[in-house]
PDB file of N, CA and C in Angstrom:
ATOM      1  N   MET A   1      -2.734-122.640-131.558  1.00  0.00           N
ATOM      2  CA  MET A   1      -1.642-122.086-132.313  1.00  0.00           C
ATOM      3  C   MET A   1      -1.454-122.921-133.581  1.00  0.00           C
ATOM      4  N   GLU A   2      -1.270-122.285-134.700  1.00  0.00           N
ATOM      5  CA  GLU A   2      -1.128-122.962-135.976  1.00  0.00           C
ATOM      6  C   GLU A   2       0.333-123.295-136.227  1.00  0.00           C
ATOM      7  N   GLN A   3       0.584-124.523-136.671  1.00  0.00           N
ATOM      8  CA  GLN A   3       1.951-124.932-136.960  1.00  0.00           C
ATOM      9  C   GLN A   3       2.371-124.419-138.332  1.00  0.00           C
ATOM     10  N   ALA A   4       3.628-124.061-138.458  1.00  0.00           N
ATOM     11  CA  ALA A   4       4.157-123.638-139.746  1.00  0.00           C
ATOM     12  C   ALA A   4       4.292-124.855-140.647  1.00  0.00           C
ATOM     13  N   ALA A   5       4.121-124.640-141.948  1.00  0.00           N
ATOM     14  CA  ALA A   5       4.270-125.736-142.901  1.00  0.00           C
ATOM     15  C   ALA A   5       5.713-126.229-142.885  1.00  0.00           C
ATOM     16  N   MET A   6       5.876-127.534-143.016  1.00  0.00           N
ATOM     17  CA  MET A   6       7.207-128.124-143.007  1.00  0.00           C
ATOM     18  C   MET A   6       7.892-127.819-144.341  1.00  0.00           C
ATOM     19  N   PRO A   7       9.169-127.454-144.326  1.00  0.00           N
ATOM     20  CA  PRO A   7       9.876-127.202-145.574  1.00  0.00           C
ATOM     21  C   PRO A   7       9.858-128.436-146.468  1.00  0.00           C
ATOM     22  N   ARG A   8       9.824-128.212-147.766  1.00  0.00           N
ATOM     23  CA  ARG A   8       9.713-129.294-148.732  1.00  0.00           C
ATOM     24  C   ARG A   8      10.853-130.314-148.584  1.00  0.00           C
ATOM     25  N   ASN A   9      12.072-129.834-148.347  1.00  0.00           N
ATOM     26  CA  ASN A   9      13.186-130.779-148.220  1.00  0.00           C
ATOM     27  C   ASN A   9      13.053-131.634-146.958  1.00  0.00           C
ATOM     28  N   ALA A  10      12.426-131.111-145.914  1.00  0.00           N
ATOM     29  CA  ALA A  10      12.211-131.902-144.697  1.00  0.00           C
ATOM     30  C   ALA A  10      11.195-133.008-144.967  1.00  0.00           C
ATOM     31  N   VAL A  11      10.149-132.692-145.736  1.00  0.00           N
ATOM     32  CA  VAL A  11       9.153-133.704-146.099  1.00  0.00           C
ATOM     33  C   VAL A  11       9.806-134.778-146.957  1.00  0.00           C
ATOM     34  N   ALA A  12      10.639-134.355-147.916  1.00  0.00           N
ATOM     35  CA  ALA A  12      11.329-135.320-148.777  1.00  0.00           C
ATOM     36  C   ALA A  12      12.251-136.206-147.944  1.00  0.00           C
ATOM     37  N   ARG A  13      12.934-135.632-146.982  1.00  0.00           N
ATOM     38  CA  ARG A  13      13.851-136.401-146.127  1.00  0.00           C
ATOM     39  C   ARG A  13      13.078-137.421-145.302  1.00  0.00           C
ATOM     40  N   ARG A  14      11.930-136.973-144.730  1.00  0.00           N
ATOM     41  CA  ARG A  14      11.080-137.892-143.958  1.00  0.00           C
ATOM     42  C   ARG A  14      10.600-139.044-144.826  1.00  0.00           C
ATOM     43  N   SER A  15      10.172-138.710-146.058  1.00  0.00           N
ATOM     44  CA  SER A  15       9.699-139.736-146.980  1.00  0.00           C
ATOM     45  C   SER A  15      10.821-140.697-147.319  1.00  0.00           C
ATOM     46  N   ALA A  16      12.017-140.158-147.527  1.00  0.00           N
ATOM     47  CA  ALA A  16      13.160-140.999-147.862  1.00  0.00           C
ATOM     48  C   ALA A  16      13.477-141.951-146.721  1.00  0.00           C
ATOM     49  N   ILE A  17      13.426-141.469-145.512  1.00  0.00           N
ATOM     50  CA  ILE A  17      13.701-142.317-144.347  1.00  0.00           C
ATOM     51  C   ILE A  17      12.640-143.399-144.232  1.00  0.00           C
ATOM     52  N   PHE A  18      11.383-143.036-144.477  1.00  0.00           N
ATOM     53  CA  PHE A  18      10.298-144.007-144.428  1.00  0.00           C
ATOM     54  C   PHE A  18      10.519-145.096-145.480  1.00  0.00           C
ATOM     55  N   ILE A  19      10.858-144.684-146.705  1.00  0.00           N
ATOM     56  CA  ILE A  19      11.066-145.645-147.793  1.00  0.00           C
ATOM     57  C   ILE A  19      12.247-146.550-147.475  1.00  0.00           C
ATOM     58  N   ALA A  20      13.325-145.951-146.970  1.00  0.00           N
ATOM     59  CA  ALA A  20      14.499-146.764-146.614  1.00  0.00           C
ATOM     60  C   ALA A  20      14.128-147.784-145.539  1.00  0.00           C
ATOM     61  N   GLY A  21      13.302-147.369-144.584  1.00  0.00           N
ATOM     62  CA  GLY A  21      12.846-148.294-143.552  1.00  0.00           C
ATOM     63  C   GLY A  21      12.048-149.445-144.135  1.00  0.00           C
ATOM     64  N   CYS A  22      11.205-149.132-145.127  1.00  0.00           N
ATOM     65  CA  CYS A  22      10.429-150.182-145.795  1.00  0.00           C
ATOM     66  C   CYS A  22      11.352-151.153-146.525  1.00  0.00           C
ATOM     67  N   VAL A  23      12.358-150.609-147.205  1.00  0.00           N
ATOM     68  CA  VAL A  23      13.301-151.458-147.932  1.00  0.00           C
ATOM     69  C   VAL A  23      14.054-152.356-146.958  1.00  0.00           C
ATOM     70  N   VAL A  24      14.508-151.785-145.850  1.00  0.00           N
ATOM     71  CA  VAL A  24      15.219-152.574-144.845  1.00  0.00           C
ATOM     72  C   VAL A  24      14.293-153.654-144.285  1.00  0.00           C
ATOM     73  N   GLY A  25      13.058-153.277-143.978  1.00  0.00           N
ATOM     74  CA  GLY A  25      12.100-154.237-143.444  1.00  0.00           C
ATOM     75  C   GLY A  25      11.854-155.387-144.405  1.00  0.00           C
ATOM     76  N   CYS A  26      11.654-155.065-145.688  1.00  0.00           N
ATOM     77  CA  CYS A  26      11.435-156.111-146.692  1.00  0.00           C
ATOM     78  C   CYS A  26      12.657-157.003-146.815  1.00  0.00           C
ATOM     79  N   THR A  27      13.832-156.387-146.775  1.00  0.00           N
ATOM     80  CA  THR A  27      15.069-157.161-146.862  1.00  0.00           C
ATOM     81  C   THR A  27      15.181-158.124-145.694  1.00  0.00           C
ATOM     82  N   LEU A  28      14.869-157.646-144.485  1.00  0.00           N
ATOM     83  CA  LEU A  28      14.964-158.510-143.309  1.00  0.00           C
ATOM     84  C   LEU A  28      13.954-159.641-143.362  1.00  0.00           C
ATOM     85  N   VAL A  29      12.747-159.363-143.845  1.00  0.00           N
ATOM     86  CA  VAL A  29      11.730-160.414-143.961  1.00  0.00           C
ATOM     87  C   VAL A  29      12.190-161.466-144.955  1.00  0.00           C
ATOM     88  N   CYS A  30      12.711-161.024-146.098  1.00  0.00           N
ATOM     89  CA  CYS A  30      13.199-161.979-147.101  1.00  0.00           C
ATOM     90  C   CYS A  30      14.342-162.807-146.545  1.00  0.00           C
ATOM     91  N   MET A  31      15.240-162.156-145.811  1.00  0.00           N
ATOM     92  CA  MET A  31      16.371-162.873-145.232  1.00  0.00           C
ATOM     93  C   MET A  31      15.893-163.918-144.230  1.00  0.00           C
ATOM     94  N   SER A  32      14.944-163.536-143.369  1.00  0.00           N
ATOM     95  CA  SER A  32      14.488-164.486-142.353  1.00  0.00           C
ATOM     96  C   SER A  32      13.729-165.638-143.000  1.00  0.00           C
ATOM     97  N   ASN A  33      12.974-165.362-144.070  1.00  0.00           N
ATOM     98  CA  ASN A  33      12.269-166.442-144.753  1.00  0.00           C
ATOM     99  C   ASN A  33      13.245-167.421-145.385  1.00  0.00           C
ATOM    100  N   SER A  34      14.307-166.912-146.024  1.00  0.00           N
ATOM    101  CA  SER A  34      15.264-167.816-146.660  1.00  0.00           C
ATOM    102  C   SER A  34      16.049-168.589-145.608  1.00  0.00           C
ATOM    103  N   GLU A  35      16.337-167.954-144.476  1.00  0.00           N
ATOM    104  CA  GLU A  35      17.058-168.655-143.417  1.00  0.00           C
ATOM    105  C   GLU A  35      16.193-169.748-142.799  1.00  0.00           C
ATOM    106  N   ASN A  36      14.872-169.479-142.684  1.00  0.00           N
ATOM    107  CA  ASN A  36      13.972-170.500-142.136  1.00  0.00           C
ATOM    108  C   ASN A  36      13.898-171.705-143.068  1.00  0.00           C
ATOM    109  N   LYS A  37      13.888-171.466-144.386  1.00  0.00           N
ATOM    110  CA  LYS A  37      13.849-172.570-145.338  1.00  0.00           C
ATOM    111  C   LYS A  37      15.142-173.374-145.260  1.00  0.00           C
ATOM    112  N   ALA A  38      16.270-172.671-145.137  1.00  0.00           N
ATOM    113  CA  ALA A  38      17.552-173.360-145.041  1.00  0.00           C
ATOM    114  C   ALA A  38      17.634-174.166-143.749  1.00  0.00           C
ATOM    115  N   ALA A  39      17.065-173.648-142.670  1.00  0.00           N
ATOM    116  CA  ALA A  39      17.099-174.348-141.387  1.00  0.00           C
ATOM    117  C   ALA A  39      16.298-175.645-141.448  1.00  0.00           C
ATOM    118  N   ALA A  40      15.292-175.712-142.320  1.00  0.00           N
ATOM    119  CA  ALA A  40      14.482-176.917-142.445  1.00  0.00           C
ATOM    120  C   ALA A  40      15.286-178.053-143.074  1.00  0.00           C
ATOM    121  N   ASP A  41      16.318-177.707-143.853  1.00  0.00           N
ATOM    122  CA  ASP A  41      17.178-178.711-144.471  1.00  0.00           C
ATOM    123  C   ASP A  41      18.538-178.660-143.788  1.00  0.00           C
ATOM    124  N   PRO A  42      18.819-179.595-142.889  1.00  0.00           N
ATOM    125  CA  PRO A  42      20.065-179.535-142.107  1.00  0.00           C
ATOM    126  C   PRO A  42      21.328-179.667-142.954  1.00  0.00           C
ATOM    127  N   THR A  43      21.215-180.142-144.200  1.00  0.00           N
ATOM    128  CA  THR A  43      22.410-180.287-145.042  1.00  0.00           C
ATOM    129  C   THR A  43      22.790-178.974-145.723  1.00  0.00           C
ATOM    130  N   THR A  44      21.924-178.002-145.673  1.00  0.00           N
ATOM    131  CA  THR A  44      22.182-176.714-146.328  1.00  0.00           C
ATOM    132  C   THR A  44      22.514-175.663-145.283  1.00  0.00           C
ATOM    133  N   ALA A  45      23.690-175.074-145.403  1.00  0.00           N
ATOM    134  CA  ALA A  45      24.075-173.994-144.481  1.00  0.00           C
ATOM    135  C   ALA A  45      23.453-172.691-144.973  1.00  0.00           C
ATOM    136  N   PRO A  46      22.863-171.901-144.062  1.00  0.00           N
ATOM    137  CA  PRO A  46      22.257-170.635-144.499  1.00  0.00           C
ATOM    138  C   PRO A  46      23.331-169.687-145.022  1.00  0.00           C
ATOM    139  N   ALA A  47      22.984-168.965-146.073  1.00  0.00           N
ATOM    140  CA  ALA A  47      23.912-167.990-146.650  1.00  0.00           C
ATOM    141  C   ALA A  47      24.017-166.786-145.720  1.00  0.00           C
ATOM    142  N   LYS A  48      25.225-166.299-145.528  1.00  0.00           N
ATOM    143  CA  LYS A  48      25.426-165.122-144.697  1.00  0.00           C
ATOM    144  C   LYS A  48      25.194-163.888-145.568  1.00  0.00           C
ATOM    145  N   ARG A  49      24.293-163.041-145.144  1.00  0.00           N
ATOM    146  CA  ARG A  49      23.942-161.862-145.930  1.00  0.00           C
ATOM    147  C   ARG A  49      24.479-160.610-145.258  1.00  0.00           C
ATOM    148  N   GLN A  50      24.918-159.669-146.068  1.00  0.00           N
ATOM    149  CA  GLN A  50      25.516-158.452-145.550  1.00  0.00           C
ATOM    150  C   GLN A  50      24.972-157.215-146.254  1.00  0.00           C
ATOM    151  N   THR A  51      23.728-157.235-146.700  1.00  0.00           N
ATOM    152  CA  THR A  51      23.156-156.105-147.414  1.00  0.00           C
ATOM    153  C   THR A  51      23.078-154.888-146.504  1.00  0.00           C
ATOM    154  N   THR A  52      23.536-153.745-147.019  1.00  0.00           N
ATOM    155  CA  THR A  52      23.422-152.491-146.276  1.00  0.00           C
ATOM    156  C   THR A  52      22.640-151.501-147.112  1.00  0.00           C
ATOM    157  N   ILE A  53      21.849-150.715-146.439  1.00  0.00           N
ATOM    158  CA  ILE A  53      21.056-149.674-147.089  1.00  0.00           C
ATOM    159  C   ILE A  53      21.346-148.372-146.370  1.00  0.00           C
ATOM    160  N   ALA A  54      21.593-147.311-147.150  1.00  0.00           N
ATOM    161  CA  ALA A  54      21.935-146.028-146.547  1.00  0.00           C
ATOM    162  C   ALA A  54      21.389-144.884-147.402  1.00  0.00           C
ATOM    163  N   ILE A  55      21.354-143.708-146.794  1.00  0.00           N
ATOM    164  CA  ILE A  55      20.991-142.483-147.509  1.00  0.00           C
ATOM    165  C   ILE A  55      22.175-141.550-147.394  1.00  0.00           C
ATOM    166  N   ASN A  56      22.667-141.080-148.527  1.00  0.00           N
ATOM    167  CA  ASN A  56      23.778-140.134-148.568  1.00  0.00           C
ATOM    168  C   ASN A  56      23.275-138.870-149.252  1.00  0.00           C
ATOM    169  N   GLY A  57      22.993-137.830-148.470  1.00  0.00           N
ATOM    170  CA  GLY A  57      22.377-136.626-149.039  1.00  0.00           C
ATOM    171  C   GLY A  57      20.976-136.969-149.495  1.00  0.00           C
ATOM    172  N   GLU A  58      20.745-136.908-150.803  1.00  0.00           N
ATOM    173  CA  GLU A  58      19.431-137.262-151.356  1.00  0.00           C
ATOM    174  C   GLU A  58      19.476-138.592-152.107  1.00  0.00           C
ATOM    175  N   ASP A  59      20.586-139.312-152.018  1.00  0.00           N
ATOM    176  CA  ASP A  59      20.751-140.555-152.765  1.00  0.00           C
ATOM    177  C   ASP A  59      20.575-141.772-151.868  1.00  0.00           C
ATOM    178  N   PHE A  60      19.928-142.800-152.408  1.00  0.00           N
ATOM    179  CA  PHE A  60      19.811-144.081-151.735  1.00  0.00           C
ATOM    180  C   PHE A  60      20.966-144.960-152.181  1.00  0.00           C
ATOM    181  N   LEU A  61      21.572-145.639-151.217  1.00  0.00           N
ATOM    182  CA  LEU A  61      22.694-146.529-151.495  1.00  0.00           C
ATOM    183  C   LEU A  61      22.340-147.930-151.033  1.00  0.00           C
ATOM    184  N   ILE A  62      22.680-148.913-151.848  1.00  0.00           N
ATOM    185  CA  ILE A  62      22.541-150.311-151.463  1.00  0.00           C
ATOM    186  C   ILE A  62      23.932-150.910-151.575  1.00  0.00           C
ATOM    187  N   ASN A  63      24.409-151.456-150.481  1.00  0.00           N
ATOM    188  CA  ASN A  63      25.763-151.991-150.395  1.00  0.00           C
ATOM    189  C   ASN A  63      26.806-150.940-150.784  1.00  0.00           C
ATOM    190  N   GLY A  64      26.575-149.691-150.358  1.00  0.00           N
ATOM    191  CA  GLY A  64      27.534-148.622-150.584  1.00  0.00           C
ATOM    192  C   GLY A  64      27.538-148.027-151.975  1.00  0.00           C
ATOM    193  N   ARG A  65      26.662-148.507-152.858  1.00  0.00           N
ATOM    194  CA  ARG A  65      26.612-147.992-154.226  1.00  0.00           C
ATOM    195  C   ARG A  65      25.236-147.404-154.497  1.00  0.00           C
ATOM    196  N   PRO A  66      25.183-146.291-155.241  1.00  0.00           N
ATOM    197  CA  PRO A  66      23.878-145.683-155.514  1.00  0.00           C
ATOM    198  C   PRO A  66      22.995-146.593-156.370  1.00  0.00           C
ATOM    199  N   THR A  67      21.711-146.520-156.108  1.00  0.00           N
ATOM    200  CA  THR A  67      20.772-147.267-156.945  1.00  0.00           C
ATOM    201  C   THR A  67      20.817-146.695-158.353  1.00  0.00           C
ATOM    202  N   TYR A  68      20.568-147.512-159.354  1.00  0.00           N
ATOM    203  CA  TYR A  68      20.557-147.083-160.763  1.00  0.00           C
ATOM    204  C   TYR A  68      21.832-146.326-161.125  1.00  0.00           C
ATOM    205  N   GLU A  69      22.948-146.825-160.675  1.00  0.00           N
ATOM    206  CA  GLU A  69      24.238-146.163-160.847  1.00  0.00           C
ATOM    207  C   GLU A  69      24.519-145.839-162.320  1.00  0.00           C
ATOM    208  N   GLY A  70      24.796-144.564-162.598  1.00  0.00           N
ATOM    209  CA  GLY A  70      25.151-144.101-163.936  1.00  0.00           C
ATOM    210  C   GLY A  70      23.999-143.975-164.910  1.00  0.00           C
ATOM    211  N   ARG A  71      22.766-144.186-164.469  1.00  0.00           N
ATOM    212  CA  ARG A  71      21.634-144.149-165.406  1.00  0.00           C
ATOM    213  C   ARG A  71      21.031-142.754-165.541  1.00  0.00           C
ATOM    214  N   MET A  72      20.609-142.458-166.776  1.00  0.00           N
ATOM    215  CA  MET A  72      19.950-141.190-167.103  1.00  0.00           C
ATOM    216  C   MET A  72      18.657-141.521-167.853  1.00  0.00           C
ATOM    217  N   TRP A  73      17.696-140.608-167.785  1.00  0.00           N
ATOM    218  CA  TRP A  73      16.453-140.744-168.543  1.00  0.00           C
ATOM    219  C   TRP A  73      16.053-139.347-168.978  1.00  0.00           C
ATOM    220  N   LYS A  74      16.003-139.122-170.280  1.00  0.00           N
ATOM    221  CA  LYS A  74      15.662-137.812-170.841  1.00  0.00           C
ATOM    222  C   LYS A  74      16.510-136.707-170.203  1.00  0.00           C
ATOM    223  N   ASN A  75      17.799-136.955-170.118  1.00  0.00           N
ATOM    224  CA  ASN A  75      18.772-136.033-169.521  1.00  0.00           C
ATOM    225  C   ASN A  75      18.541-135.772-168.033  1.00  0.00           C
ATOM    226  N   LEU A  76      17.817-136.637-167.368  1.00  0.00           N
ATOM    227  CA  LEU A  76      17.621-136.532-165.917  1.00  0.00           C
ATOM    228  C   LEU A  76      18.415-137.634-165.237  1.00  0.00           C
ATOM    229  N   ARG A  77      19.071-137.288-164.176  1.00  0.00           N
ATOM    230  CA  ARG A  77      19.874-138.244-163.413  1.00  0.00           C
ATOM    231  C   ARG A  77      18.947-139.172-162.623  1.00  0.00           C
ATOM    232  N   MET A  78      19.081-140.459-162.823  1.00  0.00           N
ATOM    233  CA  MET A  78      18.267-141.451-162.112  1.00  0.00           C
ATOM    234  C   MET A  78      19.038-142.066-160.942  1.00  0.00           C
ATOM    235  N   GLU A  79      20.341-141.872-160.929  1.00  0.00           N
ATOM    236  CA  GLU A  79      21.195-142.466-159.911  1.00  0.00           C
ATOM    237  C   GLU A  79      20.763-142.046-158.509  1.00  0.00           C
ATOM    238  N   GLY A  80      20.673-143.011-157.621  1.00  0.00           N
ATOM    239  CA  GLY A  80      20.345-142.742-156.232  1.00  0.00           C
ATOM    240  C   GLY A  80      18.855-142.671-155.932  1.00  0.00           C
ATOM    241  N   LEU A  81      18.005-142.865-156.938  1.00  0.00           N
ATOM    242  CA  LEU A  81      16.558-142.791-156.707  1.00  0.00           C
ATOM    243  C   LEU A  81      15.989-144.179-156.423  1.00  0.00           C
ATOM    244  N   LEU A  82      14.788-144.214-155.841  1.00  0.00           N
ATOM    245  CA  LEU A  82      14.043-145.460-155.671  1.00  0.00           C
ATOM    246  C   LEU A  82      12.803-145.370-156.544  1.00  0.00           C
ATOM    247  N   MET A  83      12.684-146.270-157.463  1.00  0.00           N
ATOM    248  CA  MET A  83      11.550-146.247-158.390  1.00  0.00           C
ATOM    249  C   MET A  83      10.368-147.036-157.820  1.00  0.00           C
ATOM    250  N   ASN A  84       9.194-146.625-158.198  1.00  0.00           N
ATOM    251  CA  ASN A  84       7.950-147.324-157.857  1.00  0.00           C
ATOM    252  C   ASN A  84       7.773-147.559-156.368  1.00  0.00           C
ATOM    253  N   ALA A  85       8.105-146.569-155.575  1.00  0.00           N
ATOM    254  CA  ALA A  85       7.918-146.694-154.136  1.00  0.00           C
ATOM    255  C   ALA A  85       6.446-146.452-153.811  1.00  0.00           C
ATOM    256  N   ARG A  86       5.804-147.420-153.206  1.00  0.00           N
ATOM    257  CA  ARG A  86       4.408-147.265-152.800  1.00  0.00           C
ATOM    258  C   ARG A  86       4.385-146.905-151.325  1.00  0.00           C
ATOM    259  N   MET A  87       3.670-145.850-151.007  1.00  0.00           N
ATOM    260  CA  MET A  87       3.635-145.379-149.621  1.00  0.00           C
ATOM    261  C   MET A  87       2.207-145.437-149.094  1.00  0.00           C
ATOM    262  N   VAL A  88       1.629-146.621-149.184  1.00  0.00           N
ATOM    263  CA  VAL A  88       0.251-146.799-148.766  1.00  0.00           C
ATOM    264  C   VAL A  88       0.073-146.438-147.299  1.00  0.00           C
ATOM    265  N   GLN A  89       1.043-146.789-146.482  1.00  0.00           N
ATOM    266  CA  GLN A  89       0.919-146.525-145.063  1.00  0.00           C
ATOM    267  C   GLN A  89       1.836-145.393-144.602  1.00  0.00           C
ATOM    268  N   GLY A  90       2.189-144.504-145.520  1.00  0.00           N
ATOM    269  CA  GLY A  90       3.016-143.360-145.164  1.00  0.00           C
ATOM    270  C   GLY A  90       2.234-142.360-144.324  1.00  0.00           C
ATOM    271  N   ILE A  91       2.946-141.587-143.553  1.00  0.00           N
ATOM    272  CA  ILE A  91       2.326-140.546-142.731  1.00  0.00           C
ATOM    273  C   ILE A  91       2.718-139.209-143.325  1.00  0.00           C
ATOM    274  N   PHE A  92       1.734-138.385-143.604  1.00  0.00           N
ATOM    275  CA  PHE A  92       1.985-137.090-144.221  1.00  0.00           C
ATOM    276  C   PHE A  92       1.399-135.989-143.356  1.00  0.00           C
ATOM    277  N   ASP A  93       2.071-134.868-143.333  1.00  0.00           N
ATOM    278  CA  ASP A  93       1.550-133.694-142.636  1.00  0.00           C
ATOM    279  C   ASP A  93       0.598-132.958-143.562  1.00  0.00           C
ATOM    280  N   ASP A  94      -0.553-132.572-143.058  1.00  0.00           N
ATOM    281  CA  ASP A  94      -1.508-131.817-143.851  1.00  0.00           C
ATOM    282  C   ASP A  94      -1.184-130.332-143.687  1.00  0.00           C
ATOM    283  N   SER A  95      -0.689-129.711-144.741  1.00  0.00           N
ATOM    284  CA  SER A  95      -0.321-128.295-144.663  1.00  0.00           C
ATOM    285  C   SER A  95      -1.504-127.381-144.970  1.00  0.00           C
ATOM    286  N   ASN A  96      -2.672-127.950-145.245  1.00  0.00           N
ATOM    287  CA  ASN A  96      -3.866-127.158-145.535  1.00  0.00           C
ATOM    288  C   ASN A  96      -4.636-126.921-144.229  1.00  0.00           C
ATOM    289  N   PRO A  97      -4.671-125.666-143.745  1.00  0.00           N
ATOM    290  CA  PRO A  97      -5.355-125.408-142.470  1.00  0.00           C
ATOM    291  C   PRO A  97      -6.848-125.718-142.511  1.00  0.00           C
ATOM    292  N   GLN A  98      -7.440-125.734-143.700  1.00  0.00           N
ATOM    293  CA  GLN A  98      -8.878-126.005-143.805  1.00  0.00           C
ATOM    294  C   GLN A  98      -9.208-127.488-143.637  1.00  0.00           C
ATOM    295  N   THR A  99      -8.263-128.367-143.907  1.00  0.00           N
ATOM    296  CA  THR A  99      -8.524-129.804-143.769  1.00  0.00           C
ATOM    297  C   THR A  99      -7.773-130.440-142.606  1.00  0.00           C
ATOM    298  N   ARG A 100      -6.892-129.694-141.971  1.00  0.00           N
ATOM    299  CA  ARG A 100      -6.062-130.237-140.889  1.00  0.00           C
ATOM    300  C   ARG A 100      -6.913-130.782-139.746  1.00  0.00           C
ATOM    301  N   GLU A 101      -8.055-130.175-139.488  1.00  0.00           N
ATOM    302  CA  GLU A 101      -8.935-130.614-138.396  1.00  0.00           C
ATOM    303  C   GLU A 101      -9.433-132.051-138.577  1.00  0.00           C
ATOM    304  N   ARG A 102      -9.477-132.535-139.797  1.00  0.00           N
ATOM    305  CA  ARG A 102      -9.971-133.895-140.062  1.00  0.00           C
ATOM    306  C   ARG A 102      -9.109-134.966-139.406  1.00  0.00           C
ATOM    307  N   TRP A 103      -7.855-134.642-139.150  1.00  0.00           N
ATOM    308  CA  TRP A 103      -6.905-135.644-138.680  1.00  0.00           C
ATOM    309  C   TRP A 103      -6.602-135.540-137.191  1.00  0.00           C
ATOM    310  N   LYS A 104      -7.284-134.677-136.488  1.00  0.00           N
ATOM    311  CA  LYS A 104      -6.959-134.486-135.072  1.00  0.00           C
ATOM    312  C   LYS A 104      -7.322-135.720-134.253  1.00  0.00           C
ATOM    313  N   TYR A 105      -6.635-135.881-133.145  1.00  0.00           N
ATOM    314  CA  TYR A 105      -6.921-136.944-132.197  1.00  0.00           C
ATOM    315  C   TYR A 105      -8.122-136.535-131.356  1.00  0.00           C
ATOM    316  N   PRO A 106      -8.803-137.486-130.728  1.00  0.00           N
ATOM    317  CA  PRO A 106      -9.921-137.131-129.849  1.00  0.00           C
ATOM    318  C   PRO A 106      -9.485-136.222-128.698  1.00  0.00           C
ATOM    319  N   ASP A 107      -8.218-136.334-128.291  1.00  0.00           N
ATOM    320  CA  ASP A 107      -7.760-135.535-127.155  1.00  0.00           C
ATOM    321  C   ASP A 107      -6.863-134.357-127.562  1.00  0.00           C
ATOM    322  N   GLY A 108      -6.819-134.018-128.846  1.00  0.00           N
ATOM    323  CA  GLY A 108      -6.013-132.868-129.255  1.00  0.00           C
ATOM    324  C   GLY A 108      -5.656-132.906-130.725  1.00  0.00           C
ATOM    325  N   PRO A 109      -4.786-131.994-131.171  1.00  0.00           N
ATOM    326  CA  PRO A 109      -4.444-131.889-132.592  1.00  0.00           C
ATOM    327  C   PRO A 109      -3.543-133.037-133.056  1.00  0.00           C
ATOM    328  N   TRP A 110      -3.501-133.222-134.358  1.00  0.00           N
ATOM    329  CA  TRP A 110      -2.622-134.212-134.978  1.00  0.00           C
ATOM    330  C   TRP A 110      -1.163-133.837-134.735  1.00  0.00           C
ATOM    331  N   VAL A 111      -0.393-134.797-134.235  1.00  0.00           N
ATOM    332  CA  VAL A 111       1.039-134.597-134.006  1.00  0.00           C
ATOM    333  C   VAL A 111       1.752-135.781-134.634  1.00  0.00           C
ATOM    334  N   PRO A 112       2.475-135.566-135.754  1.00  0.00           N
ATOM    335  CA  PRO A 112       3.096-136.694-136.456  1.00  0.00           C
ATOM    336  C   PRO A 112       4.051-137.493-135.568  1.00  0.00           C
ATOM    337  N   ASP A 113       4.776-136.831-134.672  1.00  0.00           N
ATOM    338  CA  ASP A 113       5.737-137.545-133.841  1.00  0.00           C
ATOM    339  C   ASP A 113       5.062-138.483-132.853  1.00  0.00           C
ATOM    340  N   ARG A 114       3.787-138.296-132.623  1.00  0.00           N
ATOM    341  CA  ARG A 114       3.040-139.147-131.700  1.00  0.00           C
ATOM    342  C   ARG A 114       2.893-140.560-132.272  1.00  0.00           C
ATOM    343  N   ASN A 115       2.962-140.692-133.577  1.00  0.00           N
ATOM    344  CA  ASN A 115       2.845-142.015-134.201  1.00  0.00           C
ATOM    345  C   ASN A 115       4.165-142.697-134.148  1.00  0.00           C
TER     346      ASN A 115
END
């Protein structure tokens, strides 16, 4: 049975969640690295960090405020976007039935939720 193509907004939402996860992961790694350095010097108390990352509709928020707040470029709203997001290890659904077979598992078809 052939799967229906995923709606464009669902793909965008999945991508946004993936990117937000990457941002959170990078933030946590940076936090743990700085805390480890502070722990090496007993005279320095580690800084308490409270960074929050969220998605509100189609906007990315950092500490409750949209990214690029109030910015425009060529009359396009930049607020809430993430620039230069690299998705080297992103997972994408292949909506082309002619190439979908390339990604199947040895024991069955490609299922994104399986990853």
